[in-house]
Amino acid sequence: MITVGGENLIDLVQITEKHGVPEFKALPGGSQYNCASALGRLGTRPYYITPISTDSLGELLADTLVESGVVVASERVDAPSSLAVVTLQDGQPSYQFYRDGTAERRVSAESLGAVIPADTRVFQIGSLSLCDGADAEVWAQLFTDLAQRGVACTLDPNVRRAFVTDPATYRNRLEGMMKVASLVKLSDEDLGWLYPDADPETKAAELAAGSQAELFVLTKGSQGASLITHSHRVEVEAAPVSALQDTVGAGDTFMAALIYQFLQSPDFGSEAAIRDVGRFAAKAAAINCERVGCNPPSLDEIRI
């Protein structure tokens, strides 16, 4: 069983601009919410455990997860839903978040312990939930505790620099989590911000060597991805995108596809097997980019 934790929010996504005035569409989102949705569409029936608001936007968030095949194990909280305003420039998203005092941040060791399934095999976390505040410490501790109990813990930092108030503490938190993770995905932009004086390729190899992760992935946008194990390093090209809509949720979809492959056949002993994993994830992300917002593909769509 896969359990996903981390932020849920409503993306107010710019869809058009008329007479110089942008127009927006409300879409359920959040990096880890997106990852859970993508895993659901791949048929894994993941559990999502982050609190969800009881407001009307929270109802939309919960209902959309269920439609994607996700089990909503979340506590429902009488606090507002988080919001993200997403503006686009040449298909690339820029985010402004509103999360203070919202439902998804109301977590504690006790509340999460009450909803996480006992038979969790994989636990996924990342992004905003790890940036700052007491909730970040709660999630990081849960990640470490589960890893020590033998759960395969997977991590996608998906750095949101605007929410990092203490870069040193944040970096140390992520480094501690990477050491005990079973699967890690980082983008070249993530590494460029975390380690501005280091070459991303070199730093990724260094972090992989210091981690117990069976697979460490560096994504590089249109330049593809590097998949690193303790025995191999494999380069995978980005999959072609027939008609780019935007890149919202592409990294989350890529991560979900990695987790799916990790569960199906965690054999990273050959370069061919590793390359297949990367190509599967790249194709999933490319299909998502052909749609507006985060709209991950089904397993059948990837295999066509």
C-alpha atoms as a PDB file:
ATOM      1  CA  MET A   1       0.000   0.000   0.000  1.00  0.00           C
ATOM      2  CA  ILE A   2       1.157   3.518  -0.842  1.00  0.00           C
ATOM      3  CA  THR A   3       0.485   6.378   1.562  1.00  0.00           C
ATOM      4  CA  VAL A   4       0.966   9.999   0.490  1.00  0.00           C
ATOM      5  CA  GLY A   5       1.347  13.008   2.765  1.00  0.00           C
ATOM      6  CA  GLY A   6       1.841  16.666   1.955  1.00  0.00           C
ATOM      7  CA  GLU A   7      -0.018  19.753   0.858  1.00  0.00           C
ATOM      8  CA  ASN A   8      -3.388  20.048  -0.825  1.00  0.00           C
ATOM      9  CA  LEU A   9      -4.629  23.349  -2.220  1.00  0.00           C
ATOM     10  CA  ILE A  10      -6.669  24.983  -4.930  1.00  0.00           C
ATOM     11  CA  ASP A  11      -4.702  26.198  -7.960  1.00  0.00           C
ATOM     12  CA  LEU A  12      -6.173  29.333  -9.497  1.00  0.00           C
ATOM     13  CA  VAL A  13      -4.589  28.746 -12.913  1.00  0.00           C
ATOM     14  CA  GLN A  14      -4.346  31.443 -15.559  1.00  0.00           C
ATOM     15  CA  ILE A  15      -6.034  30.079 -18.690  1.00  0.00           C
ATOM     16  CA  THR A  16      -6.413  33.131 -20.955  1.00  0.00           C
ATOM     17  CA  GLU A  17      -5.901  36.862 -20.994  1.00  0.00           C
ATOM     18  CA  LYS A  18      -8.495  39.183 -22.487  1.00  0.00           C
ATOM     19  CA  HIS A  19      -7.883  42.904 -22.927  1.00  0.00           C
ATOM     20  CA  GLY A  20      -4.850  42.652 -20.651  1.00  0.00           C
ATOM     21  CA  VAL A  21      -6.840  41.019 -17.824  1.00  0.00           C
ATOM     22  CA  PRO A  22      -5.905  37.398 -16.923  1.00  0.00           C
ATOM     23  CA  GLU A  23      -8.664  34.827 -16.430  1.00  0.00           C
ATOM     24  CA  PHE A  24      -8.315  31.939 -14.007  1.00  0.00           C
ATOM     25  CA  LYS A  25      -9.775  28.473 -13.478  1.00  0.00           C
ATOM     26  CA  ALA A  26      -9.972  26.780 -10.051  1.00  0.00           C
ATOM     27  CA  LEU A  27      -8.276  23.378 -10.080  1.00  0.00           C
ATOM     28  CA  PRO A  28      -7.432  21.004  -7.212  1.00  0.00           C
ATOM     29  CA  GLY A  29      -3.681  20.844  -6.693  1.00  0.00           C
ATOM     30  CA  GLY A  30      -0.621  20.867  -4.509  1.00  0.00           C
ATOM     31  CA  SER A  31       2.498  18.871  -5.336  1.00  0.00           C
ATOM     32  CA  GLN A  32       1.780  15.904  -3.093  1.00  0.00           C
ATOM     33  CA  TYR A  33      -1.951  16.015  -3.810  1.00  0.00           C
ATOM     34  CA  ASN A  34      -1.039  15.812  -7.497  1.00  0.00           C
ATOM     35  CA  CYS A  35       1.279  12.891  -6.845  1.00  0.00           C
ATOM     36  CA  ALA A  36      -1.495  11.031  -5.012  1.00  0.00           C
ATOM     37  CA  SER A  37      -3.887  11.693  -7.908  1.00  0.00           C
ATOM     38  CA  ALA A  38      -1.328  10.453 -10.427  1.00  0.00           C
ATOM     39  CA  LEU A  39      -0.750   7.292  -8.395  1.00  0.00           C
ATOM     40  CA  GLY A  40      -4.495   6.740  -8.237  1.00  0.00           C
ATOM     41  CA  ARG A  41      -4.814   6.969 -12.002  1.00  0.00           C
ATOM     42  CA  LEU A  42      -2.070   4.368 -12.303  1.00  0.00           C
ATOM     43  CA  GLY A  43      -4.325   1.975 -10.387  1.00  0.00           C
ATOM     44  CA  THR A  44      -2.337   1.776  -7.144  1.00  0.00           C
ATOM     45  CA  ARG A  45      -5.226   2.929  -4.878  1.00  0.00           C
ATOM     46  CA  PRO A  46      -3.022   5.116  -2.644  1.00  0.00           C
ATOM     47  CA  TYR A  47      -4.098   6.523   0.712  1.00  0.00           C
ATOM     48  CA  TYR A  48      -3.894  10.291   1.240  1.00  0.00           C
ATOM     49  CA  ILE A  49      -3.535  11.398   4.866  1.00  0.00           C
ATOM     50  CA  THR A  50      -3.098  15.192   4.935  1.00  0.00           C
ATOM     51  CA  PRO A  51      -6.002  17.091   6.548  1.00  0.00           C
ATOM     52  CA  ILE A  52      -8.559  18.548   4.124  1.00  0.00           C
ATOM     53  CA  SER A  53     -10.820  21.497   4.834  1.00  0.00           C
ATOM     54  CA  THR A  54     -14.560  21.119   5.383  1.00  0.00           C
ATOM     55  CA  ASP A  55     -15.180  24.198   3.203  1.00  0.00           C
ATOM     56  CA  SER A  56     -16.554  23.958  -0.345  1.00  0.00           C
ATOM     57  CA  LEU A  57     -13.050  23.924  -1.830  1.00  0.00           C
ATOM     58  CA  GLY A  58     -12.152  21.087   0.520  1.00  0.00           C
ATOM     59  CA  GLU A  59     -15.130  19.142  -0.800  1.00  0.00           C
ATOM     60  CA  LEU A  60     -13.772  19.658  -4.317  1.00  0.00           C
ATOM     61  CA  LEU A  61     -10.329  18.474  -3.215  1.00  0.00           C
ATOM     62  CA  ALA A  62     -11.674  15.322  -1.550  1.00  0.00           C
ATOM     63  CA  ASP A  63     -14.113  14.446  -4.337  1.00  0.00           C
ATOM     64  CA  THR A  64     -11.459  14.841  -7.025  1.00  0.00           C
ATOM     65  CA  LEU A  65      -9.099  12.498  -5.197  1.00  0.00           C
ATOM     66  CA  VAL A  66     -11.808   9.854  -5.010  1.00  0.00           C
ATOM     67  CA  GLU A  67     -12.509  10.265  -8.735  1.00  0.00           C
ATOM     68  CA  SER A  68      -8.814   9.572  -9.395  1.00  0.00           C
ATOM     69  CA  GLY A  69      -8.876   6.342  -7.393  1.00  0.00           C
ATOM     70  CA  VAL A  70      -7.381   7.679  -4.153  1.00  0.00           C
ATOM     71  CA  VAL A  71      -8.572   6.620  -0.699  1.00  0.00           C
ATOM     72  CA  VAL A  72      -9.110   9.786   1.353  1.00  0.00           C
ATOM     73  CA  ALA A  73      -7.985   8.876   4.870  1.00  0.00           C
ATOM     74  CA  SER A  74      -7.568  12.538   5.767  1.00  0.00           C
ATOM     75  CA  GLU A  75      -8.981  14.206   8.844  1.00  0.00           C
ATOM     76  CA  ARG A  76     -11.534  16.849   7.798  1.00  0.00           C
ATOM     77  CA  VAL A  77     -10.706  20.153   9.485  1.00  0.00           C
ATOM     78  CA  ASP A  78     -12.781  23.295  10.078  1.00  0.00           C
ATOM     79  CA  ALA A  79     -10.194  25.675   8.606  1.00  0.00           C
ATOM     80  CA  PRO A  80      -9.881  27.203   5.124  1.00  0.00           C
ATOM     81  CA  SER A  81      -8.315  25.479   2.134  1.00  0.00           C
ATOM     82  CA  SER A  82      -4.911  26.664   0.933  1.00  0.00           C
ATOM     83  CA  LEU A  83      -4.725  28.614  -2.341  1.00  0.00           C
ATOM     84  CA  ALA A  84      -2.106  29.014  -5.069  1.00  0.00           C
ATOM     85  CA  VAL A  85      -2.367  31.601  -7.827  1.00  0.00           C
ATOM     86  CA  VAL A  86      -0.649  30.145 -10.902  1.00  0.00           C
ATOM     87  CA  THR A  87       0.330  32.529 -13.694  1.00  0.00           C
ATOM     88  CA  LEU A  88       1.874  31.245 -16.914  1.00  0.00           C
ATOM     89  CA  GLN A  89       4.615  32.620 -19.163  1.00  0.00           C
ATOM     90  CA  ASP A  90       5.294  30.515 -22.283  1.00  0.00           C
ATOM     91  CA  GLY A  91       3.709  27.536 -20.532  1.00  0.00           C
ATOM     92  CA  GLN A  92       5.940  27.827 -17.463  1.00  0.00           C
ATOM     93  CA  PRO A  93       4.087  28.288 -14.152  1.00  0.00           C
ATOM     94  CA  SER A  94       4.829  30.883 -11.487  1.00  0.00           C
ATOM     95  CA  TYR A  95       3.197  30.442  -8.074  1.00  0.00           C
ATOM     96  CA  GLN A  96       1.946  32.661  -5.254  1.00  0.00           C
ATOM     97  CA  PHE A  97       0.736  30.672  -2.234  1.00  0.00           C
ATOM     98  CA  TYR A  98      -1.689  31.439   0.601  1.00  0.00           C
ATOM     99  CA  ARG A  99      -1.351  28.825   3.363  1.00  0.00           C
ATOM    100  CA  ASP A 100      -1.300  30.540   6.764  1.00  0.00           C
ATOM    101  CA  GLY A 101      -3.773  28.946   9.179  1.00  0.00           C
ATOM    102  CA  THR A 102      -5.148  26.523   6.602  1.00  0.00           C
ATOM    103  CA  ALA A 103      -6.450  22.992   7.089  1.00  0.00           C
ATOM    104  CA  GLU A 104      -3.615  21.081   5.427  1.00  0.00           C
ATOM    105  CA  ARG A 105      -1.072  22.459   7.889  1.00  0.00           C
ATOM    106  CA  ARG A 106      -2.898  21.209  10.989  1.00  0.00           C
ATOM    107  CA  VAL A 107      -0.904  18.053  11.567  1.00  0.00           C
ATOM    108  CA  SER A 108       0.644  16.443  14.627  1.00  0.00           C
ATOM    109  CA  ALA A 109       2.345  13.134  15.324  1.00  0.00           C
ATOM    110  CA  GLU A 110      -0.854  11.982  17.009  1.00  0.00           C
ATOM    111  CA  SER A 111      -3.225  13.045  14.223  1.00  0.00           C
ATOM    112  CA  LEU A 112      -1.116  11.446  11.495  1.00  0.00           C
ATOM    113  CA  GLY A 113      -0.576   8.307  13.551  1.00  0.00           C
ATOM    114  CA  ALA A 114      -4.346   7.931  13.788  1.00  0.00           C
ATOM    115  CA  VAL A 115      -4.904   7.901  10.010  1.00  0.00           C
ATOM    116  CA  ILE A 116      -1.831   6.288   8.430  1.00  0.00           C
ATOM    117  CA  PRO A 117      -2.546   2.669   7.425  1.00  0.00           C
ATOM    118  CA  ALA A 118      -0.638   0.063   9.421  1.00  0.00           C
ATOM    119  CA  ASP A 119       0.207  -1.876   6.249  1.00  0.00           C
ATOM    120  CA  THR A 120       1.864   1.054   4.467  1.00  0.00           C
ATOM    121  CA  ARG A 121       4.672  -0.234   2.234  1.00  0.00           C
ATOM    122  CA  VAL A 122       5.611   3.084   0.605  1.00  0.00           C
ATOM    123  CA  PHE A 123       5.341   6.578   2.072  1.00  0.00           C
ATOM    124  CA  GLN A 124       5.673   9.625  -0.197  1.00  0.00           C
ATOM    125  CA  ILE A 125       6.212  13.237   0.923  1.00  0.00           C
ATOM    126  CA  GLY A 126       7.762  16.466  -0.342  1.00  0.00           C
ATOM    127  CA  SER A 127       7.448  20.099  -1.423  1.00  0.00           C
ATOM    128  CA  LEU A 128       5.601  22.747   0.624  1.00  0.00           C
ATOM    129  CA  SER A 129       4.941  20.419   3.550  1.00  0.00           C
ATOM    130  CA  LEU A 130       8.680  20.341   4.309  1.00  0.00           C
ATOM    131  CA  CYS A 131       9.514  24.029   3.856  1.00  0.00           C
ATOM    132  CA  ASP A 132       8.889  25.628   7.220  1.00  0.00           C
ATOM    133  CA  GLY A 133       6.908  25.561  10.445  1.00  0.00           C
ATOM    134  CA  ALA A 134       5.960  22.945  13.000  1.00  0.00           C
ATOM    135  CA  ASP A 135       4.191  20.863  10.353  1.00  0.00           C
ATOM    136  CA  ALA A 136       7.452  20.444   8.420  1.00  0.00           C
ATOM    137  CA  GLU A 137       9.114  18.938  11.490  1.00  0.00           C
ATOM    138  CA  VAL A 138       6.159  16.599  12.037  1.00  0.00           C
ATOM    139  CA  TRP A 139       6.312  15.303   8.472  1.00  0.00           C
ATOM    140  CA  ALA A 140      10.102  14.894   8.544  1.00  0.00           C
ATOM    141  CA  GLN A 141       9.947  12.939  11.800  1.00  0.00           C
ATOM    142  CA  LEU A 142       7.202  10.670  10.451  1.00  0.00           C
ATOM    143  CA  PHE A 143       9.315  10.025   7.343  1.00  0.00           C
ATOM    144  CA  THR A 144      12.343   9.061   9.445  1.00  0.00           C
ATOM    145  CA  ASP A 145      10.316   6.901  11.836  1.00  0.00           C
ATOM    146  CA  LEU A 146       8.696   4.993   8.985  1.00  0.00           C
ATOM    147  CA  ALA A 147      12.038   4.454   7.246  1.00  0.00           C
ATOM    148  CA  GLN A 148      13.472   3.006  10.451  1.00  0.00           C
ATOM    149  CA  ARG A 149      10.506   0.607  10.593  1.00  0.00           C
ATOM    150  CA  GLY A 150      11.299  -0.707   7.115  1.00  0.00           C
ATOM    151  CA  VAL A 151       8.805   1.324   5.084  1.00  0.00           C
ATOM    152  CA  ALA A 152      10.145   2.409   1.691  1.00  0.00           C
ATOM    153  CA  CYS A 153      10.103   6.197   2.028  1.00  0.00           C
ATOM    154  CA  THR A 154      10.178   8.272  -1.159  1.00  0.00           C
ATOM    155  CA  LEU A 155      11.041  11.959  -1.382  1.00  0.00           C
ATOM    156  CA  ASP A 156      10.479  14.727  -3.922  1.00  0.00           C
ATOM    157  CA  PRO A 157      11.640  18.034  -2.353  1.00  0.00           C
ATOM    158  CA  ASN A 158      10.173  20.126  -5.214  1.00  0.00           C
ATOM    159  CA  VAL A 159      11.649  23.220  -3.578  1.00  0.00           C
ATOM    160  CA  ARG A 160       9.412  26.274  -3.137  1.00  0.00           C
ATOM    161  CA  ARG A 161      12.003  28.869  -2.216  1.00  0.00           C
ATOM    162  CA  ALA A 162       9.489  31.589  -1.299  1.00  0.00           C
ATOM    163  CA  PHE A 163       8.395  29.508   1.701  1.00  0.00           C
ATOM    164  CA  VAL A 164      11.857  28.673   3.001  1.00  0.00           C
ATOM    165  CA  THR A 165      12.564  31.144   5.817  1.00  0.00           C
ATOM    166  CA  ASP A 166      15.629  29.311   7.149  1.00  0.00           C
ATOM    167  CA  PRO A 167      17.607  27.788   4.249  1.00  0.00           C
ATOM    168  CA  ALA A 168      20.181  26.069   6.483  1.00  0.00           C
ATOM    169  CA  THR A 169      17.538  24.297   8.580  1.00  0.00           C
ATOM    170  CA  TYR A 170      15.597  23.363   5.465  1.00  0.00           C
ATOM    171  CA  ARG A 171      18.693  21.989   3.747  1.00  0.00           C
ATOM    172  CA  ASN A 172      19.629  19.961   6.822  1.00  0.00           C
ATOM    173  CA  ARG A 173      16.085  18.576   7.034  1.00  0.00           C
ATOM    174  CA  LEU A 174      16.170  17.414   3.432  1.00  0.00           C
ATOM    175  CA  GLU A 175      19.661  15.960   3.734  1.00  0.00           C
ATOM    176  CA  GLY A 176      18.603  13.900   6.746  1.00  0.00           C
ATOM    177  CA  MET A 177      15.579  12.602   4.878  1.00  0.00           C
ATOM    178  CA  MET A 178      17.569  11.809   1.733  1.00  0.00           C
ATOM    179  CA  LYS A 179      19.945   9.627   3.721  1.00  0.00           C
ATOM    180  CA  VAL A 180      17.166   7.260   4.835  1.00  0.00           C
ATOM    181  CA  ALA A 181      14.991   7.442   1.699  1.00  0.00           C
ATOM    182  CA  SER A 182      14.508   4.512  -0.671  1.00  0.00           C
ATOM    183  CA  LEU A 183      13.784   6.716  -3.696  1.00  0.00           C
ATOM    184  CA  VAL A 184      14.651  10.387  -4.248  1.00  0.00           C
ATOM    185  CA  LYS A 185      13.813  12.753  -7.101  1.00  0.00           C
ATOM    186  CA  LEU A 186      15.349  16.219  -7.360  1.00  0.00           C
ATOM    187  CA  SER A 187      15.279  18.702 -10.217  1.00  0.00           C
ATOM    188  CA  ASP A 188      18.307  20.622 -11.421  1.00  0.00           C
ATOM    189  CA  GLU A 189      16.490  23.772 -10.237  1.00  0.00           C
ATOM    190  CA  ASP A 190      16.099  22.260  -6.753  1.00  0.00           C
ATOM    191  CA  LEU A 191      19.809  21.522  -6.544  1.00  0.00           C
ATOM    192  CA  GLY A 192      20.726  24.900  -7.994  1.00  0.00           C
ATOM    193  CA  TRP A 193      18.904  26.619  -5.147  1.00  0.00           C
ATOM    194  CA  LEU A 194      19.973  24.239  -2.378  1.00  0.00           C
ATOM    195  CA  TYR A 195      23.634  24.233  -3.462  1.00  0.00           C
ATOM    196  CA  PRO A 196      24.211  27.328  -5.630  1.00  0.00           C
ATOM    197  CA  ASP A 197      27.973  26.832  -5.830  1.00  0.00           C
ATOM    198  CA  ALA A 198      27.809  23.189  -6.927  1.00  0.00           C
ATOM    199  CA  ASP A 199      27.331  21.590 -10.321  1.00  0.00           C
ATOM    200  CA  PRO A 200      23.915  19.827 -10.190  1.00  0.00           C
ATOM    201  CA  GLU A 201      25.160  16.649 -11.866  1.00  0.00           C
ATOM    202  CA  THR A 202      28.123  16.356  -9.508  1.00  0.00           C
ATOM    203  CA  LYS A 203      26.043  17.197  -6.438  1.00  0.00           C
ATOM    204  CA  ALA A 204      23.377  14.660  -7.368  1.00  0.00           C
ATOM    205  CA  ALA A 205      26.021  11.938  -7.574  1.00  0.00           C
ATOM    206  CA  GLU A 206      27.418  13.004  -4.198  1.00  0.00           C
ATOM    207  CA  LEU A 207      24.000  12.957  -2.534  1.00  0.00           C
ATOM    208  CA  ALA A 208      23.177   9.593  -4.083  1.00  0.00           C
ATOM    209  CA  ALA A 209      26.411   8.120  -2.751  1.00  0.00           C
ATOM    210  CA  GLY A 210      25.514   9.274   0.766  1.00  0.00           C
ATOM    211  CA  SER A 211      21.980   7.900   0.611  1.00  0.00           C
ATOM    212  CA  GLN A 212      20.587   4.415   1.057  1.00  0.00           C
ATOM    213  CA  ALA A 213      18.234   5.134  -1.855  1.00  0.00           C
ATOM    214  CA  GLU A 214      17.979   2.359  -4.408  1.00  0.00           C
ATOM    215  CA  LEU A 215      17.265   5.007  -7.030  1.00  0.00           C
ATOM    216  CA  PHE A 216      18.222   8.697  -7.058  1.00  0.00           C
ATOM    217  CA  VAL A 217      16.852  10.766  -9.933  1.00  0.00           C
ATOM    218  CA  LEU A 218      17.921  14.190 -11.205  1.00  0.00           C
ATOM    219  CA  THR A 219      15.358  15.685 -13.579  1.00  0.00           C
ATOM    220  CA  LYS A 220      16.460  18.325 -16.079  1.00  0.00           C
ATOM    221  CA  GLY A 221      13.313  19.466 -17.850  1.00  0.00           C
ATOM    222  CA  SER A 222      13.624  19.230 -21.618  1.00  0.00           C
ATOM    223  CA  GLN A 223      17.121  17.780 -21.162  1.00  0.00           C
ATOM    224  CA  GLY A 224      15.754  14.564 -19.667  1.00  0.00           C
ATOM    225  CA  ALA A 225      16.870  12.920 -16.443  1.00  0.00           C
ATOM    226  CA  SER A 226      19.801  11.166 -14.797  1.00  0.00           C
ATOM    227  CA  LEU A 227      18.913   7.968 -12.917  1.00  0.00           C
ATOM    228  CA  ILE A 228      21.551   6.980 -10.385  1.00  0.00           C
ATOM    229  CA  THR A 229      21.934   3.745  -8.432  1.00  0.00           C
ATOM    230  CA  HIS A 230      24.887   2.497  -6.425  1.00  0.00           C
ATOM    231  CA  SER A 231      26.075   0.629  -9.543  1.00  0.00           C
ATOM    232  CA  HIS A 232      24.868   2.617 -12.541  1.00  0.00           C
ATOM    233  CA  ARG A 233      24.130   6.062 -13.913  1.00  0.00           C
ATOM    234  CA  VAL A 234      21.699   6.152 -16.823  1.00  0.00           C
ATOM    235  CA  GLU A 235      20.671   9.150 -18.916  1.00  0.00           C
ATOM    236  CA  VAL A 236      17.098   9.241 -20.226  1.00  0.00           C
ATOM    237  CA  GLU A 237      15.813  11.726 -22.790  1.00  0.00           C
ATOM    238  CA  ALA A 238      12.670  13.744 -22.200  1.00  0.00           C
ATOM    239  CA  ALA A 239       9.662  12.251 -23.972  1.00  0.00           C
ATOM    240  CA  PRO A 240       8.265  14.309 -26.862  1.00  0.00           C
ATOM    241  CA  VAL A 241       5.320  16.617 -26.160  1.00  0.00           C
ATOM    242  CA  SER A 242       3.031  16.932 -29.172  1.00  0.00           C
ATOM    243  CA  ALA A 243       1.306  20.169 -28.115  1.00  0.00           C
ATOM    244  CA  LEU A 244       2.520  21.832 -24.927  1.00  0.00           C
ATOM    245  CA  GLN A 245      -0.230  23.271 -22.732  1.00  0.00           C
ATOM    246  CA  ASP A 246       1.784  23.870 -19.543  1.00  0.00           C
ATOM    247  CA  THR A 247       4.115  22.051 -17.159  1.00  0.00           C
ATOM    248  CA  VAL A 248       1.878  22.211 -14.059  1.00  0.00           C
ATOM    249  CA  GLY A 249       2.169  18.898 -12.223  1.00  0.00           C
ATOM    250  CA  ALA A 250       4.690  17.398 -14.636  1.00  0.00           C
ATOM    251  CA  GLY A 251       7.243  16.709 -11.911  1.00  0.00           C
ATOM    252  CA  ASP A 252       4.566  15.273  -9.618  1.00  0.00           C
ATOM    253  CA  THR A 253       3.405  12.949 -12.389  1.00  0.00           C
ATOM    254  CA  PHE A 254       7.011  11.927 -13.064  1.00  0.00           C
ATOM    255  CA  MET A 255       7.448  11.099  -9.367  1.00  0.00           C
ATOM    256  CA  ALA A 256       4.252   9.052  -9.234  1.00  0.00           C
ATOM    257  CA  ALA A 257       5.388   7.049 -12.253  1.00  0.00           C
ATOM    258  CA  LEU A 258       8.739   6.384 -10.576  1.00  0.00           C
ATOM    259  CA  ILE A 259       6.964   5.125  -7.447  1.00  0.00           C
ATOM    260  CA  TYR A 260       4.715   2.913  -9.570  1.00  0.00           C
ATOM    261  CA  GLN A 261       7.718   1.343 -11.292  1.00  0.00           C
ATOM    262  CA  PHE A 262       9.525   1.028  -7.965  1.00  0.00           C
ATOM    263  CA  LEU A 263       6.624  -1.046  -6.623  1.00  0.00           C
ATOM    264  CA  GLN A 264       6.137  -3.132  -9.753  1.00  0.00           C
ATOM    265  CA  SER A 265       9.705  -4.237 -10.387  1.00  0.00           C
ATOM    266  CA  PRO A 266      12.322  -2.686  -8.111  1.00  0.00           C
ATOM    267  CA  ASP A 267      15.154  -4.234 -10.131  1.00  0.00           C
ATOM    268  CA  PHE A 268      17.785  -1.605 -10.730  1.00  0.00           C
ATOM    269  CA  GLY A 269      20.584  -4.084 -11.409  1.00  0.00           C
ATOM    270  CA  SER A 270      20.870  -3.392 -15.124  1.00  0.00           C
ATOM    271  CA  GLU A 271      21.061  -0.234 -17.177  1.00  0.00           C
ATOM    272  CA  ALA A 272      18.239  -1.504 -19.397  1.00  0.00           C
ATOM    273  CA  ALA A 273      15.862  -1.883 -16.442  1.00  0.00           C
ATOM    274  CA  ILE A 274      16.764   1.558 -15.111  1.00  0.00           C
ATOM    275  CA  ARG A 275      16.269   3.111 -18.549  1.00  0.00           C
ATOM    276  CA  ASP A 276      12.803   1.547 -18.816  1.00  0.00           C
ATOM    277  CA  VAL A 277      11.853   3.110 -15.479  1.00  0.00           C
ATOM    278  CA  GLY A 278      13.012   6.533 -16.644  1.00  0.00           C
ATOM    279  CA  ARG A 279      11.273   6.318 -20.004  1.00  0.00           C
ATOM    280  CA  PHE A 280       7.988   5.314 -18.357  1.00  0.00           C
ATOM    281  CA  ALA A 281       8.163   8.310 -16.010  1.00  0.00           C
ATOM    282  CA  ALA A 282       9.182  10.671 -18.812  1.00  0.00           C
ATOM    283  CA  LYS A 283       6.252   9.596 -20.980  1.00  0.00           C
ATOM    284  CA  ALA A 284       3.797  10.056 -18.104  1.00  0.00           C
ATOM    285  CA  ALA A 285       5.087  13.590 -17.520  1.00  0.00           C
ATOM    286  CA  ALA A 286       4.948  14.417 -21.240  1.00  0.00           C
ATOM    287  CA  ILE A 287       1.292  13.376 -21.487  1.00  0.00           C
ATOM    288  CA  ASN A 288       0.493  15.591 -18.501  1.00  0.00           C
ATOM    289  CA  CYS A 289       2.174  18.533 -20.266  1.00  0.00           C
ATOM    290  CA  GLU A 290      -0.217  18.121 -23.198  1.00  0.00           C
ATOM    291  CA  ARG A 291      -3.127  18.997 -20.875  1.00  0.00           C
ATOM    292  CA  VAL A 292      -4.090  22.115 -18.931  1.00  0.00           C
ATOM    293  CA  GLY A 293      -3.061  21.960 -15.278  1.00  0.00           C
ATOM    294  CA  CYS A 294      -2.160  18.732 -13.526  1.00  0.00           C
ATOM    295  CA  ASN A 295      -4.082  16.007 -15.368  1.00  0.00           C
ATOM    296  CA  PRO A 296      -2.031  12.806 -15.090  1.00  0.00           C
ATOM    297  CA  PRO A 297      -2.469   9.897 -17.503  1.00  0.00           C
ATOM    298  CA  SER A 298      -3.811   6.434 -16.818  1.00  0.00           C
ATOM    299  CA  LEU A 299      -1.635   3.360 -17.128  1.00  0.00           C
ATOM    300  CA  ASP A 300      -3.212   2.496 -20.479  1.00  0.00           C
ATOM    301  CA  GLU A 301      -2.454   5.967 -21.852  1.00  0.00           C
ATOM    302  CA  ILE A 302       1.227   5.623 -20.970  1.00  0.00           C
ATOM    303  CA  ARG A 303       1.509   2.150 -22.487  1.00  0.00           C
ATOM    304  CA  ILE A 304      -0.039   3.064 -25.851  1.00  0.00           C
END
